[in-house]
Amino acid sequence: MTATVTVGEFSRLTHLSVKSLHHYHEIGLLAPVSVDASSGYRRYSTAQVDTAQLIRRLRELRMPLADVQAVVDAGDGAAREERLRAHLERMEQELAHTREVVVSLRELLTPGRPVLDIEYRFIPPFRAYGVRGQVLRDEIGPWCEFAFGRLDEVAGHIPGTSGATYSDEFFADDKGAVVAFHPVAPDQAPADGVELVDLPGGYFAIAVHAGPMADFDRTYGALGSHVAEYCEVAPGPIRELYHISPGDVPDAADYRTEVCWPIQRIPVLKG
């Protein structure tokens, strides 16, 4: 047996504020069973308590309202389970990223720069399959998933280390040209969904970033400082070479990325 209650009483039953209930009514997420035509007073059914509590739990998990609506509309079927599973996976990824940032912050607050082994190397010119884009810094993760997914479909069977070039504008303006690439033979035939790009040869100062990307900026800072102090910077984008990347291993601690800073020539360092 069900009964109807005022919006204030329903608020007490569900721990949702009256303001939230009004908003959910306005967007069609949780409508009262009746609204008095003259006074505008809303009444809810006690049968709606479970739905209201589900909405509250999902919002506590920071699920977007559009996804909450989809879960509520889906009832108890497979579509509902899939929405919940996908959101919980996103939250687990966010939690893992938060832990990485906390570790990185603690290390940053420890005095001293990170110690890097820096080598100088001439990289000859080579041809590659590439995916090019004007990418926002905040969207680089999803873009790389798309770009390297495309490259893997086309060139996954071809030996070589994939990488990417990042223009100065990408760092200075938070948006700029990025080219994801995978090396191919000089006479490689074109392929659908990618372009053939020719990367120029040059000298680079190179450091290996080990582990998750949360403190990637520290590797950039240390390598860039070394280049500024001991080298002549050459024009051209910074390259990253992904020797061990998210698609290769499950543990971010095992990631290995070479950061390649273009320089004019190999410097002669005084002992």
C-alpha atoms as a PDB file:
ATOM      1  CA  MET A   1       0.000   0.000   0.000  1.00  0.00           C
ATOM      2  CA  THR A   2       1.333   3.431  -0.934  1.00  0.00           C
ATOM      3  CA  ALA A   3       0.550   6.909   0.248  1.00  0.00           C
ATOM      4  CA  THR A   4       1.299  10.408  -1.003  1.00  0.00           C
ATOM      5  CA  VAL A   5       3.269  12.962   0.967  1.00  0.00           C
ATOM      6  CA  THR A   6       4.221  16.620   0.618  1.00  0.00           C
ATOM      7  CA  VAL A   7       7.517  17.615  -0.940  1.00  0.00           C
ATOM      8  CA  GLY A   8       8.857  18.507   2.522  1.00  0.00           C
ATOM      9  CA  GLU A   9       7.966  15.109   3.927  1.00  0.00           C
ATOM     10  CA  PHE A  10       9.393  13.379   0.845  1.00  0.00           C
ATOM     11  CA  SER A  11      12.593  15.334   1.421  1.00  0.00           C
ATOM     12  CA  ARG A  12      12.829  13.863   4.912  1.00  0.00           C
ATOM     13  CA  LEU A  13      12.099  10.351   3.601  1.00  0.00           C
ATOM     14  CA  THR A  14      14.813  10.497   0.939  1.00  0.00           C
ATOM     15  CA  HIS A  15      17.402  12.972   2.292  1.00  0.00           C
ATOM     16  CA  LEU A  16      17.065  14.962  -0.933  1.00  0.00           C
ATOM     17  CA  SER A  17      16.622  18.699  -0.411  1.00  0.00           C
ATOM     18  CA  VAL A  18      13.434  20.391  -1.568  1.00  0.00           C
ATOM     19  CA  LYS A  19      15.583  22.443  -3.956  1.00  0.00           C
ATOM     20  CA  SER A  20      16.985  19.260  -5.507  1.00  0.00           C
ATOM     21  CA  LEU A  21      13.515  17.720  -5.795  1.00  0.00           C
ATOM     22  CA  HIS A  22      12.235  20.840  -7.559  1.00  0.00           C
ATOM     23  CA  HIS A  23      15.180  20.702  -9.957  1.00  0.00           C
ATOM     24  CA  TYR A  24      14.699  17.004 -10.682  1.00  0.00           C
ATOM     25  CA  HIS A  25      11.046  17.720 -11.402  1.00  0.00           C
ATOM     26  CA  GLU A  26      11.938  20.539 -13.803  1.00  0.00           C
ATOM     27  CA  ILE A  27      14.337  18.356 -15.814  1.00  0.00           C
ATOM     28  CA  GLY A  28      12.023  15.355 -15.837  1.00  0.00           C
ATOM     29  CA  LEU A  29      14.187  13.111 -13.683  1.00  0.00           C
ATOM     30  CA  LEU A  30      11.785  12.619 -10.768  1.00  0.00           C
ATOM     31  CA  ALA A  31       8.311  14.079 -11.178  1.00  0.00           C
ATOM     32  CA  PRO A  32       5.769  14.217  -8.343  1.00  0.00           C
ATOM     33  CA  VAL A  33       2.645  12.103  -8.742  1.00  0.00           C
ATOM     34  CA  SER A  34       0.491  15.206  -8.503  1.00  0.00           C
ATOM     35  CA  VAL A  35       0.768  18.988  -8.529  1.00  0.00           C
ATOM     36  CA  ASP A  36      -2.079  21.112  -7.172  1.00  0.00           C
ATOM     37  CA  ALA A  37      -3.269  23.330  -9.990  1.00  0.00           C
ATOM     38  CA  SER A  38      -4.073  26.306  -7.752  1.00  0.00           C
ATOM     39  CA  SER A  39      -1.305  26.209  -5.159  1.00  0.00           C
ATOM     40  CA  GLY A  40       1.447  24.442  -7.121  1.00  0.00           C
ATOM     41  CA  TYR A  41       2.097  22.136  -4.150  1.00  0.00           C
ATOM     42  CA  ARG A  42       3.775  18.898  -5.125  1.00  0.00           C
ATOM     43  CA  ARG A  43       2.959  15.486  -3.697  1.00  0.00           C
ATOM     44  CA  TYR A  44       5.075  12.376  -4.052  1.00  0.00           C
ATOM     45  CA  SER A  45       4.218   8.709  -3.658  1.00  0.00           C
ATOM     46  CA  THR A  46       5.994   6.565  -1.116  1.00  0.00           C
ATOM     47  CA  ALA A  47       6.537   4.156  -4.026  1.00  0.00           C
ATOM     48  CA  GLN A  48       9.025   6.724  -5.399  1.00  0.00           C
ATOM     49  CA  VAL A  49      11.303   6.532  -2.363  1.00  0.00           C
ATOM     50  CA  ASP A  50      13.504   3.791  -3.831  1.00  0.00           C
ATOM     51  CA  THR A  51      13.968   5.749  -7.072  1.00  0.00           C
ATOM     52  CA  ALA A  52      14.800   8.933  -5.164  1.00  0.00           C
ATOM     53  CA  GLN A  53      17.362   7.108  -3.034  1.00  0.00           C
ATOM     54  CA  LEU A  54      18.913   5.577  -6.150  1.00  0.00           C
ATOM     55  CA  ILE A  55      19.241   9.067  -7.653  1.00  0.00           C
ATOM     56  CA  ARG A  56      20.854  10.330  -4.460  1.00  0.00           C
ATOM     57  CA  ARG A  57      23.402   7.489  -4.436  1.00  0.00           C
ATOM     58  CA  LEU A  58      24.283   8.054  -8.075  1.00  0.00           C
ATOM     59  CA  ARG A  59      24.746  11.786  -7.559  1.00  0.00           C
ATOM     60  CA  GLU A  60      26.991  11.048  -4.571  1.00  0.00           C
ATOM     61  CA  LEU A  61      29.084   9.078  -7.063  1.00  0.00           C
ATOM     62  CA  ARG A  62      29.215  12.230  -9.239  1.00  0.00           C
ATOM     63  CA  MET A  63      27.297  10.571 -12.070  1.00  0.00           C
ATOM     64  CA  PRO A  64      26.146  13.192 -14.629  1.00  0.00           C
ATOM     65  CA  LEU A  65      22.416  13.868 -14.588  1.00  0.00           C
ATOM     66  CA  ALA A  66      22.009  12.601 -18.158  1.00  0.00           C
ATOM     67  CA  ASP A  67      23.466   9.231 -17.102  1.00  0.00           C
ATOM     68  CA  VAL A  68      21.342   9.172 -13.947  1.00  0.00           C
ATOM     69  CA  GLN A  69      18.296   9.697 -16.157  1.00  0.00           C
ATOM     70  CA  ALA A  70      19.375   6.799 -18.377  1.00  0.00           C
ATOM     71  CA  VAL A  71      19.812   4.502 -15.359  1.00  0.00           C
ATOM     72  CA  VAL A  72      16.396   5.437 -13.948  1.00  0.00           C
ATOM     73  CA  ASP A  73      14.700   5.003 -17.324  1.00  0.00           C
ATOM     74  CA  ALA A  74      16.409   1.664 -17.931  1.00  0.00           C
ATOM     75  CA  GLY A  75      14.675  -0.027 -14.989  1.00  0.00           C
ATOM     76  CA  ASP A  76      16.303  -3.277 -13.935  1.00  0.00           C
ATOM     77  CA  GLY A  77      17.606  -4.453 -17.320  1.00  0.00           C
ATOM     78  CA  ALA A  78      21.017  -4.955 -18.865  1.00  0.00           C
ATOM     79  CA  ALA A  79      21.170  -1.324 -20.053  1.00  0.00           C
ATOM     80  CA  ARG A  80      21.015  -0.157 -16.435  1.00  0.00           C
ATOM     81  CA  GLU A  81      23.794  -2.526 -15.384  1.00  0.00           C
ATOM     82  CA  GLU A  82      25.985  -1.378 -18.277  1.00  0.00           C
ATOM     83  CA  ARG A  83      25.546   2.310 -17.359  1.00  0.00           C
ATOM     84  CA  LEU A  84      26.435   1.591 -13.735  1.00  0.00           C
ATOM     85  CA  ARG A  85      29.430  -0.550 -14.686  1.00  0.00           C
ATOM     86  CA  ALA A  86      30.811   2.081 -17.065  1.00  0.00           C
ATOM     87  CA  HIS A  87      30.474   4.836 -14.461  1.00  0.00           C
ATOM     88  CA  LEU A  88      32.116   2.770 -11.716  1.00  0.00           C
ATOM     89  CA  GLU A  89      35.027   2.012 -14.054  1.00  0.00           C
ATOM     90  CA  ARG A  90      35.427   5.757 -14.730  1.00  0.00           C
ATOM     91  CA  MET A  91      35.425   6.434 -10.993  1.00  0.00           C
ATOM     92  CA  GLU A  92      38.077   3.762 -10.414  1.00  0.00           C
ATOM     93  CA  GLN A  93      40.230   5.373 -13.101  1.00  0.00           C
ATOM     94  CA  GLU A  94      39.747   8.796 -11.491  1.00  0.00           C
ATOM     95  CA  LEU A  95      40.669   7.346  -8.094  1.00  0.00           C
ATOM     96  CA  ALA A  96      43.824   5.781  -9.508  1.00  0.00           C
ATOM     97  CA  HIS A  97      44.734   9.105 -11.125  1.00  0.00           C
ATOM     98  CA  THR A  98      44.113  10.935  -7.836  1.00  0.00           C
ATOM     99  CA  ARG A  99      46.455   8.533  -6.039  1.00  0.00           C
ATOM    100  CA  GLU A 100      49.117   9.126  -8.688  1.00  0.00           C
ATOM    101  CA  VAL A 101      48.765  12.902  -8.295  1.00  0.00           C
ATOM    102  CA  VAL A 102      49.038  12.632  -4.504  1.00  0.00           C
ATOM    103  CA  VAL A 103      52.254  10.599  -4.819  1.00  0.00           C
ATOM    104  CA  SER A 104      53.603  13.093  -7.349  1.00  0.00           C
ATOM    105  CA  LEU A 105      52.749  16.032  -5.073  1.00  0.00           C
ATOM    106  CA  ARG A 106      54.586  14.443  -2.151  1.00  0.00           C
ATOM    107  CA  GLU A 107      57.626  13.914  -4.347  1.00  0.00           C
ATOM    108  CA  LEU A 108      57.393  17.492  -5.622  1.00  0.00           C
ATOM    109  CA  LEU A 109      57.443  18.803  -2.055  1.00  0.00           C
ATOM    110  CA  THR A 110      60.642  16.848  -1.411  1.00  0.00           C
ATOM    111  CA  PRO A 111      63.592  19.229  -1.952  1.00  0.00           C
ATOM    112  CA  GLY A 112      65.723  18.790  -5.042  1.00  0.00           C
ATOM    113  CA  ARG A 113      65.125  18.119  -8.708  1.00  0.00           C
ATOM    114  CA  PRO A 114      64.503  14.609  -9.960  1.00  0.00           C
ATOM    115  CA  VAL A 115      67.734  12.957 -11.070  1.00  0.00           C
ATOM    116  CA  LEU A 116      67.615  12.107 -14.759  1.00  0.00           C
ATOM    117  CA  ASP A 117      69.996  10.252 -16.985  1.00  0.00           C
ATOM    118  CA  ILE A 118      70.192  12.407 -20.114  1.00  0.00           C
ATOM    119  CA  GLU A 119      71.720  11.189 -23.339  1.00  0.00           C
ATOM    120  CA  TYR A 120      72.324  12.889 -26.664  1.00  0.00           C
ATOM    121  CA  ARG A 121      71.333  11.125 -29.837  1.00  0.00           C
ATOM    122  CA  PHE A 122      71.046  11.763 -33.542  1.00  0.00           C
ATOM    123  CA  ILE A 123      67.768  10.362 -34.872  1.00  0.00           C
ATOM    124  CA  PRO A 124      67.826   9.886 -38.663  1.00  0.00           C
ATOM    125  CA  PRO A 125      64.856  10.991 -40.761  1.00  0.00           C
ATOM    126  CA  PHE A 126      62.174   8.365 -41.257  1.00  0.00           C
ATOM    127  CA  ARG A 127      58.742   7.822 -42.750  1.00  0.00           C
ATOM    128  CA  ALA A 128      55.733   6.966 -40.611  1.00  0.00           C
ATOM    129  CA  TYR A 129      52.024   6.463 -40.656  1.00  0.00           C
ATOM    130  CA  GLY A 130      50.539   9.422 -38.831  1.00  0.00           C
ATOM    131  CA  VAL A 131      47.342  10.785 -37.349  1.00  0.00           C
ATOM    132  CA  ARG A 132      47.332  14.571 -37.108  1.00  0.00           C
ATOM    133  CA  GLY A 133      45.138  16.884 -35.071  1.00  0.00           C
ATOM    134  CA  GLN A 134      44.728  20.266 -33.417  1.00  0.00           C
ATOM    135  CA  VAL A 135      44.316  19.033 -29.858  1.00  0.00           C
ATOM    136  CA  LEU A 136      43.293  20.702 -26.605  1.00  0.00           C
ATOM    137  CA  ARG A 137      45.664  19.849 -23.759  1.00  0.00           C
ATOM    138  CA  ASP A 138      42.742  18.725 -21.568  1.00  0.00           C
ATOM    139  CA  GLU A 139      41.624  16.319 -24.314  1.00  0.00           C
ATOM    140  CA  ILE A 140      45.003  14.776 -25.117  1.00  0.00           C
ATOM    141  CA  GLY A 141      44.192  11.493 -23.336  1.00  0.00           C
ATOM    142  CA  PRO A 142      41.043  10.643 -25.332  1.00  0.00           C
ATOM    143  CA  TRP A 143      42.675  11.927 -28.532  1.00  0.00           C
ATOM    144  CA  CYS A 144      45.682   9.644 -28.043  1.00  0.00           C
ATOM    145  CA  GLU A 145      43.383   6.678 -27.428  1.00  0.00           C
ATOM    146  CA  PHE A 146      41.702   7.426 -30.754  1.00  0.00           C
ATOM    147  CA  ALA A 147      44.905   8.168 -32.690  1.00  0.00           C
ATOM    148  CA  PHE A 148      46.953   5.216 -31.459  1.00  0.00           C
ATOM    149  CA  GLY A 149      43.938   2.943 -31.788  1.00  0.00           C
ATOM    150  CA  ARG A 150      43.791   3.930 -35.450  1.00  0.00           C
ATOM    151  CA  LEU A 151      47.535   3.402 -35.871  1.00  0.00           C
ATOM    152  CA  ASP A 152      47.356   0.017 -34.168  1.00  0.00           C
ATOM    153  CA  GLU A 153      44.628  -1.097 -36.585  1.00  0.00           C
ATOM    154  CA  VAL A 154      46.737  -0.104 -39.589  1.00  0.00           C
ATOM    155  CA  ALA A 155      50.310  -0.666 -38.411  1.00  0.00           C
ATOM    156  CA  GLY A 156      50.126  -2.882 -35.335  1.00  0.00           C
ATOM    157  CA  HIS A 157      51.893  -5.667 -37.224  1.00  0.00           C
ATOM    158  CA  ILE A 158      54.813  -3.407 -38.251  1.00  0.00           C
ATOM    159  CA  PRO A 159      57.824  -3.402 -35.869  1.00  0.00           C
ATOM    160  CA  GLY A 160      58.841  -0.062 -34.387  1.00  0.00           C
ATOM    161  CA  THR A 161      58.219   2.330 -31.513  1.00  0.00           C
ATOM    162  CA  SER A 162      55.195   4.582 -31.762  1.00  0.00           C
ATOM    163  CA  GLY A 163      55.429   8.192 -30.664  1.00  0.00           C
ATOM    164  CA  ALA A 164      54.046  11.674 -31.065  1.00  0.00           C
ATOM    165  CA  THR A 165      55.240  15.204 -31.774  1.00  0.00           C
ATOM    166  CA  TYR A 166      53.895  18.176 -29.802  1.00  0.00           C
ATOM    167  CA  SER A 167      54.046  21.707 -31.182  1.00  0.00           C
ATOM    168  CA  ASP A 168      55.075  24.742 -29.124  1.00  0.00           C
ATOM    169  CA  GLU A 169      51.466  25.991 -29.288  1.00  0.00           C
ATOM    170  CA  PHE A 170      50.234  22.837 -27.562  1.00  0.00           C
ATOM    171  CA  PHE A 171      52.166  23.875 -24.452  1.00  0.00           C
ATOM    172  CA  ALA A 172      51.919  27.676 -24.744  1.00  0.00           C
ATOM    173  CA  ASP A 173      48.256  27.975 -25.758  1.00  0.00           C
ATOM    174  CA  ASP A 174      46.806  24.717 -24.375  1.00  0.00           C
ATOM    175  CA  LYS A 175      45.926  23.784 -27.958  1.00  0.00           C
ATOM    176  CA  GLY A 176      48.174  22.905 -30.861  1.00  0.00           C
ATOM    177  CA  ALA A 177      49.291  20.459 -33.505  1.00  0.00           C
ATOM    178  CA  VAL A 178      49.943  16.894 -32.371  1.00  0.00           C
ATOM    179  CA  VAL A 179      51.042  14.099 -34.692  1.00  0.00           C
ATOM    180  CA  ALA A 180      50.832  10.513 -33.479  1.00  0.00           C
ATOM    181  CA  PHE A 181      53.067   8.263 -35.563  1.00  0.00           C
ATOM    182  CA  HIS A 182      54.366   4.750 -36.113  1.00  0.00           C
ATOM    183  CA  PRO A 183      57.511   4.193 -38.231  1.00  0.00           C
ATOM    184  CA  VAL A 184      57.150   2.379 -41.554  1.00  0.00           C
ATOM    185  CA  ALA A 185      59.400   1.498 -44.486  1.00  0.00           C
ATOM    186  CA  PRO A 186      60.437   4.308 -46.881  1.00  0.00           C
ATOM    187  CA  ASP A 187      58.359   2.712 -49.649  1.00  0.00           C
ATOM    188  CA  GLN A 188      55.344   1.967 -47.459  1.00  0.00           C
ATOM    189  CA  ALA A 189      52.038   2.155 -49.334  1.00  0.00           C
ATOM    190  CA  PRO A 190      49.328   4.600 -48.150  1.00  0.00           C
ATOM    191  CA  ALA A 191      46.569   3.269 -45.906  1.00  0.00           C
ATOM    192  CA  ASP A 192      43.032   4.375 -45.144  1.00  0.00           C
ATOM    193  CA  GLY A 193      42.549   6.453 -41.994  1.00  0.00           C
ATOM    194  CA  VAL A 194      46.189   7.533 -41.656  1.00  0.00           C
ATOM    195  CA  GLU A 195      48.594   9.706 -43.620  1.00  0.00           C
ATOM    196  CA  LEU A 196      52.211   9.184 -44.595  1.00  0.00           C
ATOM    197  CA  VAL A 197      54.442  11.664 -42.775  1.00  0.00           C
ATOM    198  CA  ASP A 198      58.169  12.247 -43.091  1.00  0.00           C
ATOM    199  CA  LEU A 199      59.812  13.133 -39.789  1.00  0.00           C
ATOM    200  CA  PRO A 200      63.074  15.074 -40.153  1.00  0.00           C
ATOM    201  CA  GLY A 201      66.294  13.865 -38.613  1.00  0.00           C
ATOM    202  CA  GLY A 202      68.086  15.798 -35.927  1.00  0.00           C
ATOM    203  CA  TYR A 203      69.929  15.882 -32.638  1.00  0.00           C
ATOM    204  CA  PHE A 204      67.982  15.423 -29.421  1.00  0.00           C
ATOM    205  CA  ALA A 205      68.587  15.519 -25.699  1.00  0.00           C
ATOM    206  CA  ILE A 206      66.680  12.516 -24.385  1.00  0.00           C
ATOM    207  CA  ALA A 207      65.452  11.447 -20.967  1.00  0.00           C
ATOM    208  CA  VAL A 208      63.312   8.472 -19.964  1.00  0.00           C
ATOM    209  CA  HIS A 209      60.174   9.105 -17.944  1.00  0.00           C
ATOM    210  CA  ALA A 210      59.404   6.026 -15.857  1.00  0.00           C
ATOM    211  CA  GLY A 211      55.968   5.427 -14.406  1.00  0.00           C
ATOM    212  CA  PRO A 212      52.580   7.165 -14.587  1.00  0.00           C
ATOM    213  CA  MET A 213      51.963  10.455 -16.336  1.00  0.00           C
ATOM    214  CA  ALA A 214      50.870  12.356 -13.220  1.00  0.00           C
ATOM    215  CA  ASP A 215      54.399  13.741 -12.746  1.00  0.00           C
ATOM    216  CA  PHE A 216      55.320  13.884 -16.437  1.00  0.00           C
ATOM    217  CA  ASP A 217      55.838  17.623 -16.081  1.00  0.00           C
ATOM    218  CA  ARG A 218      58.755  16.993 -13.698  1.00  0.00           C
ATOM    219  CA  THR A 219      60.618  15.073 -16.392  1.00  0.00           C
ATOM    220  CA  TYR A 220      59.913  17.883 -18.831  1.00  0.00           C
ATOM    221  CA  GLY A 221      61.094  20.450 -16.282  1.00  0.00           C
ATOM    222  CA  ALA A 222      64.343  18.650 -15.516  1.00  0.00           C
ATOM    223  CA  LEU A 223      65.151  17.847 -19.151  1.00  0.00           C
ATOM    224  CA  GLY A 224      64.192  21.312 -20.378  1.00  0.00           C
ATOM    225  CA  SER A 225      66.295  22.942 -17.676  1.00  0.00           C
ATOM    226  CA  HIS A 226      69.290  20.827 -18.674  1.00  0.00           C
ATOM    227  CA  VAL A 227      68.829  21.794 -22.318  1.00  0.00           C
ATOM    228  CA  ALA A 228      68.558  25.485 -21.424  1.00  0.00           C
ATOM    229  CA  GLU A 229      71.719  25.302 -19.320  1.00  0.00           C
ATOM    230  CA  TYR A 230      73.958  23.187 -21.571  1.00  0.00           C
ATOM    231  CA  CYS A 231      72.544  23.038 -25.119  1.00  0.00           C
ATOM    232  CA  GLU A 232      71.413  25.172 -28.028  1.00  0.00           C
ATOM    233  CA  VAL A 233      67.732  24.572 -28.618  1.00  0.00           C
ATOM    234  CA  ALA A 234      66.749  23.662 -32.176  1.00  0.00           C
ATOM    235  CA  PRO A 235      63.428  24.614 -33.759  1.00  0.00           C
ATOM    236  CA  GLY A 236      60.834  21.898 -34.086  1.00  0.00           C
ATOM    237  CA  PRO A 237      58.377  20.009 -31.934  1.00  0.00           C
ATOM    238  CA  ILE A 238      59.235  17.881 -28.929  1.00  0.00           C
ATOM    239  CA  ARG A 239      58.917  14.164 -29.560  1.00  0.00           C
ATOM    240  CA  GLU A 240      57.752  11.469 -27.204  1.00  0.00           C
ATOM    241  CA  LEU A 241      58.542   7.804 -27.878  1.00  0.00           C
ATOM    242  CA  TYR A 242      56.304   5.300 -26.110  1.00  0.00           C
ATOM    243  CA  HIS A 243      58.399   2.211 -25.440  1.00  0.00           C
ATOM    244  CA  ILE A 244      55.977   0.832 -22.834  1.00  0.00           C
ATOM    245  CA  SER A 245      52.537   2.445 -22.916  1.00  0.00           C
ATOM    246  CA  PRO A 246      49.061   1.911 -21.402  1.00  0.00           C
ATOM    247  CA  GLY A 247      48.170  -0.614 -24.096  1.00  0.00           C
ATOM    248  CA  ASP A 248      51.192  -2.763 -23.263  1.00  0.00           C
ATOM    249  CA  VAL A 249      50.994  -3.272 -19.485  1.00  0.00           C
ATOM    250  CA  PRO A 250      48.281  -2.945 -16.817  1.00  0.00           C
ATOM    251  CA  ASP A 251      50.459  -1.233 -14.193  1.00  0.00           C
ATOM    252  CA  ALA A 252      51.245   2.446 -14.817  1.00  0.00           C
ATOM    253  CA  ALA A 253      54.454   2.066 -12.809  1.00  0.00           C
ATOM    254  CA  ASP A 254      55.864   0.102 -15.751  1.00  0.00           C
ATOM    255  CA  TYR A 255      55.289   2.819 -18.381  1.00  0.00           C
ATOM    256  CA  ARG A 256      58.452   4.027 -20.146  1.00  0.00           C
ATOM    257  CA  THR A 257      58.456   7.135 -22.322  1.00  0.00           C
ATOM    258  CA  GLU A 258      61.432   8.831 -23.949  1.00  0.00           C
ATOM    259  CA  VAL A 259      61.142  12.619 -24.103  1.00  0.00           C
ATOM    260  CA  CYS A 260      63.215  13.943 -27.010  1.00  0.00           C
ATOM    261  CA  TRP A 261      64.114  17.656 -26.902  1.00  0.00           C
ATOM    262  CA  PRO A 262      65.481  19.030 -30.208  1.00  0.00           C
ATOM    263  CA  ILE A 263      68.942  20.602 -29.979  1.00  0.00           C
ATOM    264  CA  GLN A 264      71.313  22.107 -32.545  1.00  0.00           C
ATOM    265  CA  ARG A 265      74.232  19.793 -31.856  1.00  0.00           C
ATOM    266  CA  ILE A 266      75.671  17.532 -29.207  1.00  0.00           C
ATOM    267  CA  PRO A 267      77.261  19.804 -26.582  1.00  0.00           C
ATOM    268  CA  VAL A 268      80.772  19.403 -25.245  1.00  0.00           C
ATOM    269  CA  LEU A 269      80.350  19.286 -21.479  1.00  0.00           C
ATOM    270  CA  LYS A 270      83.258  20.248 -19.260  1.00  0.00           C
ATOM    271  CA  GLY A 271      84.061  17.688 -16.592  1.00  0.00           C
END
